[in-house]
Amino acid sequence: MRYCARSRRFALLATAALVAGLTFVVGVPSPVAAPAVRRQEWWIGQLDLSTVWQRSTGAGVRVAVLDSGVDSSVGDLRGAVTTGFDASGRPGDGRTDTDPGRHGTSMAALIAGRGRTPGIVGTAPGATILPVALGEPSPAATERALARLTASALPPQVVNMSFAGASSCPAGLRRAVRAAVNRGLILVAAAGNQGALGNPPQAPADCPGVLAVAASDRAGSPSHLGSSGSYIALAAPGVDAVGYTSALKVRGLDGSSASAAIVSGVVADLRAAFPWMPSRQLIARLLSTATPGDPGVPAARGQRNVVFGFGIVSAAAALTTDVPADAPNAVYAPLGPSAGATVPVPGASAADASQAPPGSGAASRAPPEPAAAPDRSGWSALDLLGVLAGCLGIVLLVLAVVRTRISPRGRGRR
């Protein structure tokens, strides 16, 4: 009897150890972002990204970031940055940020940050960043970068351009934009921060075919820095945004650069959810579901103004609303009716295209892509402790079973 009692206690202890070990291994999910940083990312709640991420995190989508390069060593971007290139003529693969203020790295994190260290989570935390270093972000450098991306055998589905220059879109850049759009690339650019300087034209944002994004604040009001103009298509959070310091600590950011990056991530989420959808139709979803800003921006849904374009981006609505396939797209309209209509979009397969329902609209009724699993690359001390505890529990449980099976109960009571 004493032996059997010890065996039962031994088995209970082994089971408890096993359960504890499995809890460490599979029962405690990694945090999406450090709590202090997550609280600063106020747009996650405003755009209802938790709803979006249940269906799509942008997994499988490549976003080219034309900027100062991207520091791929930052923890938030570990495993998210692929090999890029330098469009300035210097050697390099884009994975070094030449800006002391880490502008390119900040934009990449707002798009695809994994929320590890220091904790910025992007609007498409499953997407992949293709870094393109521009040197000085001139129209000529932008044209070269777009031409190379367009000619790639596997071009990115989204291109983020969080910069603006005080000039109209030159002819060469117009041609590069048109070629990229016709290849299926979706180009997103900052609308500019020249509101106090007379609102000069801002390239590449004012190029026909580019989705130009202005900055809004928590209340849905425009940024005091923001440019205005007829080329603006959407607005997105850009006031009290976050980025990195030179030491890769979190700092505050203001301006349409952040807004463009946030929208690029939303576009990546949509592209992953609707891989068979023509770019023209996908952008139409964004425009038709955008919400008007504060009462100081006089516009109703579906109407355009020079401050916010068609309104503030609504990520969840763009993903779930049944939008007709022939919904208007004012961004591509100047390029003609066939612009952005190519199918399949880069990255889509024939099987993806077969999911699209026949007829117009009903895009949101296509079978959803499964949400990406949390990125668990890299083993932490807690992970290792969990594995060891789980293994110990299994060993103890096996020993308990063996000892119980050879118990002398069959030989008479003692």
Protein backbone atom coordinates (compact mmCIF):
# COMPACT_ATOMS: atom_id res chain seq x y z
CA MET A 1 0.00 0.00 0.00
CA ARG A 2 2.81 2.38 0.84
CA TYR A 3 4.38 1.56 -2.52
CA CYS A 4 1.15 2.24 -4.42
CA ALA A 5 0.60 5.50 -2.55
CA ARG A 6 4.11 6.61 -3.41
CA SER A 7 3.49 5.68 -7.05
CA ARG A 8 0.29 7.74 -7.16
CA ARG A 9 2.05 10.72 -5.60
CA PHE A 10 4.95 10.23 -8.02
CA ALA A 11 2.53 10.14 -10.98
CA LEU A 12 0.76 13.28 -9.78
CA LEU A 13 4.05 15.13 -9.46
CA ALA A 14 5.12 13.95 -12.91
CA THR A 15 1.83 15.05 -14.44
CA ALA A 16 2.11 18.46 -12.79
CA ALA A 17 5.65 18.86 -14.13
CA LEU A 18 4.47 17.86 -17.61
CA VAL A 19 1.59 20.32 -17.54
CA ALA A 20 3.88 23.08 -16.29
CA GLY A 21 6.38 22.33 -19.03
CA LEU A 22 3.74 22.33 -21.75
CA THR A 23 2.37 25.61 -20.41
CA PHE A 24 5.80 27.16 -20.86
CA VAL A 25 6.14 25.71 -24.35
CA VAL A 26 2.70 26.29 -25.89
CA GLY A 27 0.41 27.94 -23.38
CA VAL A 28 1.98 31.39 -23.03
CA PRO A 29 1.97 33.25 -26.35
CA SER A 30 4.66 35.79 -27.11
CA PRO A 31 3.46 39.37 -26.64
CA VAL A 32 2.70 41.21 -29.86
CA ALA A 33 4.55 44.26 -28.62
CA ALA A 34 6.08 45.61 -25.46
CA PRO A 35 3.15 47.10 -23.50
CA ALA A 36 4.68 50.57 -23.15
CA VAL A 37 5.29 50.82 -26.90
CA ARG A 38 1.97 49.21 -27.79
CA ARG A 39 0.14 51.92 -25.84
CA GLN A 40 1.83 54.58 -27.97
CA GLU A 41 0.57 52.98 -31.17
CA TRP A 42 -2.89 54.46 -30.82
CA TRP A 43 -3.81 53.77 -34.45
CA ILE A 44 -3.94 50.03 -33.81
CA GLY A 45 -7.25 50.57 -32.03
CA GLN A 46 -8.49 53.34 -34.29
CA LEU A 47 -7.99 51.22 -37.41
CA ASP A 48 -9.37 48.10 -35.67
CA LEU A 49 -6.27 46.17 -36.65
CA SER A 50 -7.01 43.38 -34.18
CA THR A 51 -9.97 42.48 -36.40
CA VAL A 52 -7.83 42.71 -39.53
CA TRP A 53 -5.09 40.49 -38.09
CA GLN A 54 -7.56 37.70 -37.39
CA ARG A 55 -7.75 37.28 -41.14
CA SER A 56 -4.55 38.74 -42.54
CA THR A 57 -1.20 39.95 -41.25
CA GLY A 58 0.26 40.56 -44.69
CA ALA A 59 2.05 37.19 -44.69
CA GLY A 60 3.59 36.40 -48.06
CA VAL A 61 3.52 40.02 -49.23
CA ARG A 62 6.73 41.91 -50.04
CA VAL A 63 6.82 45.64 -49.38
CA ALA A 64 9.65 47.61 -50.94
CA VAL A 65 10.72 50.52 -48.73
CA LEU A 66 12.38 53.24 -50.81
CA ASP A 67 14.23 55.27 -48.20
CA SER A 68 17.56 55.55 -46.41
CA GLY A 69 17.94 51.78 -46.10
CA VAL A 70 16.69 49.53 -43.33
CA ASP A 71 18.73 48.35 -40.34
CA SER A 72 17.88 44.66 -40.35
CA SER A 73 19.53 44.09 -36.96
CA VAL A 74 16.79 45.78 -34.93
CA GLY A 75 14.80 43.22 -32.94
CA ASP A 76 11.42 44.37 -34.24
CA LEU A 77 12.52 43.53 -37.79
CA ARG A 78 14.39 40.31 -37.12
CA GLY A 79 13.48 37.90 -39.90
CA ALA A 80 11.36 40.51 -41.69
CA VAL A 81 13.97 42.08 -44.01
CA THR A 82 15.13 40.43 -47.20
CA THR A 83 18.04 41.42 -49.42
CA GLY A 84 17.44 44.67 -51.29
CA PHE A 85 19.65 47.04 -53.25
CA ASP A 86 21.10 50.54 -53.39
CA ALA A 87 19.64 52.71 -56.12
CA SER A 88 22.11 55.55 -55.58
CA GLY A 89 24.95 53.78 -57.37
CA ARG A 90 26.81 52.86 -54.19
CA PRO A 91 27.45 49.24 -53.22
CA GLY A 92 25.08 47.71 -50.70
CA ASP A 93 21.98 45.57 -50.32
CA GLY A 94 19.78 48.14 -48.57
CA ARG A 95 20.11 46.51 -45.15
CA THR A 96 22.08 49.40 -43.64
CA ASP A 97 20.33 52.63 -42.69
CA THR A 98 22.43 55.63 -43.74
CA ASP A 99 20.18 58.13 -41.96
CA PRO A 100 21.28 59.02 -38.40
CA GLY A 101 17.61 59.40 -37.52
CA ARG A 102 16.84 55.85 -38.77
CA HIS A 103 14.05 57.06 -41.05
CA GLY A 104 13.99 54.02 -43.31
CA THR A 105 14.14 51.62 -40.38
CA SER A 106 11.28 53.45 -38.67
CA MET A 107 9.10 53.22 -41.77
CA ALA A 108 9.85 49.52 -42.15
CA ALA A 109 8.82 48.90 -38.53
CA LEU A 110 5.55 50.80 -38.95
CA ILE A 111 4.82 48.50 -41.90
CA ALA A 112 6.05 45.10 -40.72
CA GLY A 113 7.45 45.40 -37.18
CA ARG A 114 7.16 42.16 -35.21
CA GLY A 115 6.88 43.92 -31.84
CA ARG A 116 9.92 42.32 -30.23
CA THR A 117 12.59 44.88 -29.24
CA PRO A 118 12.04 47.69 -28.50
CA GLY A 119 8.46 46.78 -29.39
CA ILE A 120 7.05 48.48 -32.50
CA VAL A 121 4.44 46.35 -34.24
CA GLY A 122 3.57 47.23 -37.83
CA THR A 123 0.19 47.31 -39.49
CA ALA A 124 1.23 44.20 -41.47
CA PRO A 125 3.34 42.24 -38.96
CA GLY A 126 3.56 39.23 -41.25
CA ALA A 127 4.85 41.06 -44.34
CA THR A 128 8.42 41.07 -45.64
CA ILE A 129 10.45 44.23 -46.22
CA LEU A 130 12.56 44.68 -49.35
CA PRO A 131 14.88 47.62 -48.54
CA VAL A 132 15.91 50.04 -51.28
CA ALA A 133 18.46 52.71 -50.34
CA LEU A 134 18.01 55.88 -52.38
CA GLY A 135 20.73 58.13 -51.06
CA GLU A 136 19.06 61.46 -51.68
CA PRO A 137 15.38 60.74 -52.48
CA SER A 138 15.34 62.59 -55.79
CA PRO A 139 12.95 61.93 -58.68
CA ALA A 140 15.85 60.41 -60.64
CA ALA A 141 16.73 57.97 -57.83
CA THR A 142 13.06 57.08 -57.40
CA GLU A 143 12.74 56.47 -61.14
CA ARG A 144 15.76 54.14 -61.13
CA ALA A 145 14.46 52.23 -58.13
CA LEU A 146 10.98 51.77 -59.58
CA ALA A 147 12.39 50.66 -62.94
CA ARG A 148 14.51 47.99 -61.28
CA LEU A 149 11.65 46.75 -59.10
CA THR A 150 9.28 46.62 -62.07
CA ALA A 151 11.77 44.64 -64.15
CA SER A 152 12.34 42.11 -61.36
CA ALA A 153 11.25 38.54 -61.96
CA LEU A 154 9.40 38.66 -58.65
CA PRO A 155 8.56 42.31 -57.94
CA PRO A 156 7.17 43.51 -54.62
CA GLN A 157 3.41 43.84 -54.39
CA VAL A 158 3.62 47.16 -52.49
CA VAL A 159 6.09 50.05 -52.67
CA ASN A 160 6.34 52.54 -49.81
CA MET A 161 7.78 56.00 -50.53
CA SER A 162 7.74 57.99 -47.28
CA PHE A 163 9.34 61.10 -48.73
CA ALA A 164 8.36 64.06 -50.86
CA GLY A 165 10.15 66.72 -52.87
CA ALA A 166 8.95 70.19 -53.76
CA SER A 167 8.51 69.53 -57.47
CA SER A 168 5.90 68.25 -59.87
CA CYS A 169 6.23 64.70 -61.10
CA PRO A 170 8.71 64.75 -64.01
CA ALA A 171 8.08 62.85 -67.23
CA GLY A 172 10.59 60.08 -66.53
CA LEU A 173 9.09 59.34 -63.12
CA ARG A 174 5.60 59.36 -64.63
CA ARG A 175 6.65 56.66 -67.06
CA ALA A 176 8.23 54.61 -64.28
CA VAL A 177 5.07 54.88 -62.18
CA ARG A 178 2.86 53.82 -65.08
CA ALA A 179 5.05 50.82 -65.82
CA ALA A 180 5.02 49.77 -62.15
CA VAL A 181 1.25 50.11 -61.91
CA ASN A 182 0.77 48.06 -65.06
CA ARG A 183 2.96 45.33 -63.54
CA GLY A 184 0.65 45.19 -60.51
CA LEU A 185 2.75 47.13 -57.99
CA ILE A 186 0.80 49.40 -55.63
CA LEU A 187 2.71 52.62 -54.96
CA VAL A 188 2.11 54.53 -51.71
CA ALA A 189 3.71 57.91 -50.99
CA ALA A 190 3.74 60.60 -48.31
CA ALA A 191 1.63 63.61 -49.29
CA GLY A 192 4.20 65.99 -47.80
CA ASN A 193 4.58 68.30 -44.81
CA GLN A 194 4.62 71.66 -46.57
CA GLY A 195 1.29 73.09 -45.42
CA ALA A 196 2.95 76.11 -43.84
CA LEU A 197 5.10 76.76 -46.91
CA GLY A 198 2.42 77.33 -49.51
CA ASN A 199 1.74 73.69 -50.46
CA PRO A 200 4.16 73.32 -53.38
CA PRO A 201 3.73 70.21 -55.57
CA GLN A 202 5.09 67.07 -53.95
CA ALA A 203 6.67 64.29 -55.99
CA PRO A 204 6.27 61.30 -56.10
CA ALA A 205 2.93 61.80 -54.32
CA ASP A 206 1.47 63.90 -57.15
CA CYS A 207 2.39 61.37 -59.86
CA PRO A 208 -0.73 59.85 -61.46
CA GLY A 209 -1.11 56.30 -60.19
CA VAL A 210 0.45 56.91 -56.76
CA LEU A 211 -1.66 56.60 -53.60
CA ALA A 212 -0.80 59.84 -51.77
CA VAL A 213 -1.41 59.80 -48.01
CA ALA A 214 -1.84 62.79 -45.66
CA ALA A 215 -1.43 62.73 -41.87
CA SER A 216 -4.25 62.77 -39.32
CA ASP A 217 -4.23 62.91 -35.52
CA ARG A 218 -6.11 61.02 -32.82
CA ALA A 219 -9.18 63.19 -33.25
CA GLY A 220 -9.29 62.74 -37.01
CA SER A 221 -7.98 66.25 -37.67
CA PRO A 222 -5.24 67.06 -40.17
CA SER A 223 -1.65 67.53 -39.09
CA HIS A 224 -0.62 71.16 -38.73
CA LEU A 225 2.36 70.32 -40.94
CA GLY A 226 0.37 68.63 -43.67
CA SER A 227 0.41 69.56 -47.32
CA SER A 228 -2.87 69.82 -49.15
CA GLY A 229 -3.66 69.31 -52.80
CA SER A 230 -5.90 67.64 -55.33
CA TYR A 231 -3.48 64.70 -55.61
CA ILE A 232 -4.14 63.48 -52.03
CA ALA A 233 -6.10 60.24 -51.98
CA LEU A 234 -6.27 59.19 -48.31
CA ALA A 235 -5.29 60.20 -44.80
CA ALA A 236 -3.95 58.00 -42.01
CA PRO A 237 -2.57 58.40 -38.50
CA GLY A 238 0.70 60.32 -38.59
CA VAL A 239 0.63 62.62 -35.56
CA ASP A 240 2.20 61.21 -32.39
CA ALA A 241 3.48 58.20 -34.32
CA VAL A 242 6.58 56.23 -33.29
CA GLY A 243 9.97 55.52 -34.79
CA TYR A 244 13.57 54.93 -33.75
CA THR A 245 16.39 57.12 -32.52
CA SER A 246 19.97 56.65 -33.72
CA ALA A 247 20.37 54.22 -30.81
CA LEU A 248 17.26 52.30 -31.94
CA LYS A 249 15.18 53.46 -29.00
CA VAL A 250 11.54 54.44 -29.55
CA ARG A 251 10.85 58.11 -30.22
CA GLY A 252 7.90 60.17 -31.41
CA LEU A 253 7.28 61.00 -35.07
CA ASP A 254 4.95 63.44 -36.81
CA GLY A 255 4.14 63.70 -40.49
CA SER A 256 2.88 61.99 -43.59
CA SER A 257 5.92 59.69 -43.79
CA ALA A 258 4.44 57.65 -40.94
CA SER A 259 0.99 57.86 -42.51
CA ALA A 260 2.23 56.42 -45.80
CA ALA A 261 3.97 53.57 -44.00
CA ILE A 262 0.84 52.73 -42.01
CA VAL A 263 -1.22 52.63 -45.21
CA SER A 264 1.41 50.50 -46.97
CA GLY A 265 0.97 47.93 -44.21
CA VAL A 266 -2.81 48.04 -44.61
CA VAL A 267 -2.39 47.50 -48.36
CA ALA A 268 -0.18 44.49 -47.61
CA ASP A 269 -2.90 43.05 -45.34
CA LEU A 270 -5.45 43.44 -48.14
CA ARG A 271 -3.13 42.01 -50.76
CA ALA A 272 -2.55 38.91 -48.61
CA ALA A 273 -6.30 38.51 -48.07
CA PHE A 274 -7.17 39.02 -51.77
CA PRO A 275 -4.15 37.74 -53.75
CA TRP A 276 -6.23 37.32 -56.91
CA MET A 277 -7.65 40.86 -56.91
CA PRO A 278 -6.37 43.40 -59.48
CA SER A 279 -4.54 46.33 -57.90
CA ARG A 280 -7.07 48.73 -59.39
CA GLN A 281 -9.89 47.02 -57.53
CA LEU A 282 -7.94 46.73 -54.29
CA ILE A 283 -7.23 50.48 -54.16
CA ALA A 284 -10.89 51.17 -54.98
CA ARG A 285 -11.78 49.28 -51.79
CA LEU A 286 -9.60 51.63 -49.75
CA LEU A 287 -11.04 54.75 -51.34
CA SER A 288 -14.69 53.70 -51.08
CA THR A 289 -14.47 52.60 -47.42
CA ALA A 290 -12.45 55.54 -46.07
CA THR A 291 -14.16 57.57 -43.35
CA PRO A 292 -14.52 61.37 -43.37
CA GLY A 293 -12.31 63.28 -40.96
CA ASP A 294 -13.40 65.78 -38.34
CA PRO A 295 -16.04 68.45 -39.08
CA GLY A 296 -13.26 70.82 -40.13
CA VAL A 297 -12.69 68.70 -43.22
CA PRO A 298 -15.87 69.13 -45.28
CA ALA A 299 -16.39 65.82 -47.05
CA ALA A 300 -18.81 62.93 -47.09
CA ARG A 301 -17.93 59.34 -47.86
CA GLY A 302 -17.06 58.99 -51.52
CA GLN A 303 -16.27 62.70 -51.95
CA ARG A 304 -12.74 64.01 -52.32
CA ASN A 305 -11.16 67.10 -50.79
CA VAL A 306 -7.69 68.63 -50.85
CA VAL A 307 -6.91 67.86 -47.18
CA PHE A 308 -7.78 64.19 -46.68
CA GLY A 309 -8.62 63.01 -50.18
CA PHE A 310 -11.43 60.47 -49.75
CA GLY A 311 -10.96 60.29 -45.99
CA ILE A 312 -9.08 58.42 -43.28
CA VAL A 313 -8.22 54.85 -44.16
CA SER A 314 -10.46 52.23 -42.55
CA ALA A 315 -8.53 48.97 -42.52
CA ALA A 316 -11.26 46.69 -41.17
CA ALA A 317 -13.93 48.13 -43.48
CA ALA A 318 -11.67 47.77 -46.52
CA LEU A 319 -11.15 44.12 -45.64
CA THR A 320 -14.75 43.16 -44.87
CA THR A 321 -17.03 45.43 -46.92
CA ASP A 322 -18.59 44.05 -50.11
CA VAL A 323 -17.26 46.56 -52.65
CA PRO A 324 -18.28 46.27 -56.34
CA ALA A 325 -15.47 45.25 -58.64
CA ASP A 326 -16.14 48.31 -60.80
CA ALA A 327 -16.02 50.80 -57.90
CA PRO A 328 -14.36 54.06 -59.00
CA ASN A 329 -10.62 54.48 -58.55
CA ALA A 330 -9.59 58.10 -58.86
CA VAL A 331 -5.93 57.24 -58.30
CA TYR A 332 -5.65 55.11 -61.45
CA ALA A 333 -8.26 56.97 -63.53
CA PRO A 334 -5.70 59.38 -65.08
CA LEU A 335 -3.75 56.36 -66.39
CA GLY A 336 -6.69 54.95 -68.31
CA PRO A 337 -9.22 52.14 -67.75
CA SER A 338 -6.70 49.31 -68.09
CA ALA A 339 -4.18 50.57 -65.53
CA GLY A 340 -3.69 48.20 -62.62
CA ALA A 341 -6.05 45.62 -64.10
CA THR A 342 -3.48 42.89 -64.73
CA VAL A 343 -4.25 39.47 -63.23
CA PRO A 344 -2.64 37.61 -61.60
CA VAL A 345 -0.92 40.08 -59.34
CA PRO A 346 2.70 39.13 -58.55
CA GLY A 347 2.65 36.47 -55.86
CA ALA A 348 -0.84 35.19 -56.71
CA SER A 349 -1.28 31.67 -58.03
CA ALA A 350 -3.88 30.12 -60.28
CA ALA A 351 -5.40 28.46 -57.21
CA ASP A 352 -5.73 31.87 -55.56
CA ALA A 353 -7.47 33.28 -58.62
CA SER A 354 -9.95 30.41 -58.64
CA GLN A 355 -11.18 31.54 -55.21
CA ALA A 356 -12.59 34.76 -56.63
CA PRO A 357 -16.37 34.59 -56.94
CA PRO A 358 -17.80 35.18 -60.41
CA GLY A 359 -19.36 38.49 -61.32
CA SER A 360 -18.76 41.89 -59.80
CA GLY A 361 -17.94 42.61 -56.18
CA ALA A 362 -18.24 40.05 -53.41
CA ALA A 363 -14.49 40.14 -52.89
CA SER A 364 -14.87 39.84 -49.16
CA ARG A 365 -16.76 36.56 -49.59
CA ALA A 366 -13.70 34.78 -50.98
CA PRO A 367 -12.29 32.18 -48.59
CA PRO A 368 -10.02 34.00 -46.14
CA GLU A 369 -6.32 33.41 -45.91
CA PRO A 370 -5.38 31.79 -42.60
CA ALA A 371 -3.83 34.20 -40.16
CA ALA A 372 -0.08 33.93 -39.89
CA ALA A 373 1.25 32.11 -36.88
CA PRO A 374 3.14 34.21 -34.35
CA ASP A 375 6.80 34.57 -35.27
CA ARG A 376 8.73 32.46 -32.78
CA SER A 377 12.12 32.64 -34.44
CA GLY A 378 14.91 32.62 -31.90
CA TRP A 379 14.86 30.80 -28.56
CA SER A 380 14.48 32.78 -25.37
CA ALA A 381 15.52 31.60 -21.91
CA LEU A 382 11.83 31.04 -21.15
CA ASP A 383 11.47 28.85 -24.23
CA LEU A 384 14.44 26.70 -23.19
CA LEU A 385 13.15 26.41 -19.62
CA GLY A 386 9.78 25.29 -20.98
CA VAL A 387 11.32 22.62 -23.16
CA LEU A 388 13.44 21.30 -20.29
CA ALA A 389 10.45 21.27 -17.93
CA GLY A 390 8.34 19.48 -20.51
CA CYS A 391 11.00 16.83 -21.12
CA LEU A 392 11.47 16.31 -17.37
CA GLY A 393 7.72 15.89 -16.98
CA ILE A 394 7.60 13.26 -19.69
CA VAL A 395 10.50 11.31 -18.13
CA LEU A 396 8.92 11.42 -14.68
CA LEU A 397 5.56 10.31 -16.06
CA VAL A 398 7.14 7.33 -17.85
CA LEU A 399 8.99 6.32 -14.68
CA ALA A 400 5.75 6.54 -12.70
CA VAL A 401 3.94 4.26 -15.15
CA VAL A 402 6.79 1.74 -15.12
CA ARG A 403 6.98 1.65 -11.34
CA THR A 404 3.22 1.24 -11.06
CA ARG A 405 3.23 -1.70 -13.50
CA ILE A 406 5.87 -3.56 -11.45
CA SER A 407 4.16 -2.89 -8.12
CA PRO A 408 4.19 -5.98 -5.81
CA ARG A 409 0.44 -5.73 -5.17
CA GLY A 410 -0.09 -9.08 -6.93
CA ARG A 411 2.17 -10.84 -4.43
CA GLY A 412 -0.02 -10.19 -1.41
CA ARG A 413 -0.57 -7.21 0.81
CA ARG A 414 2.29 -6.00 2.99
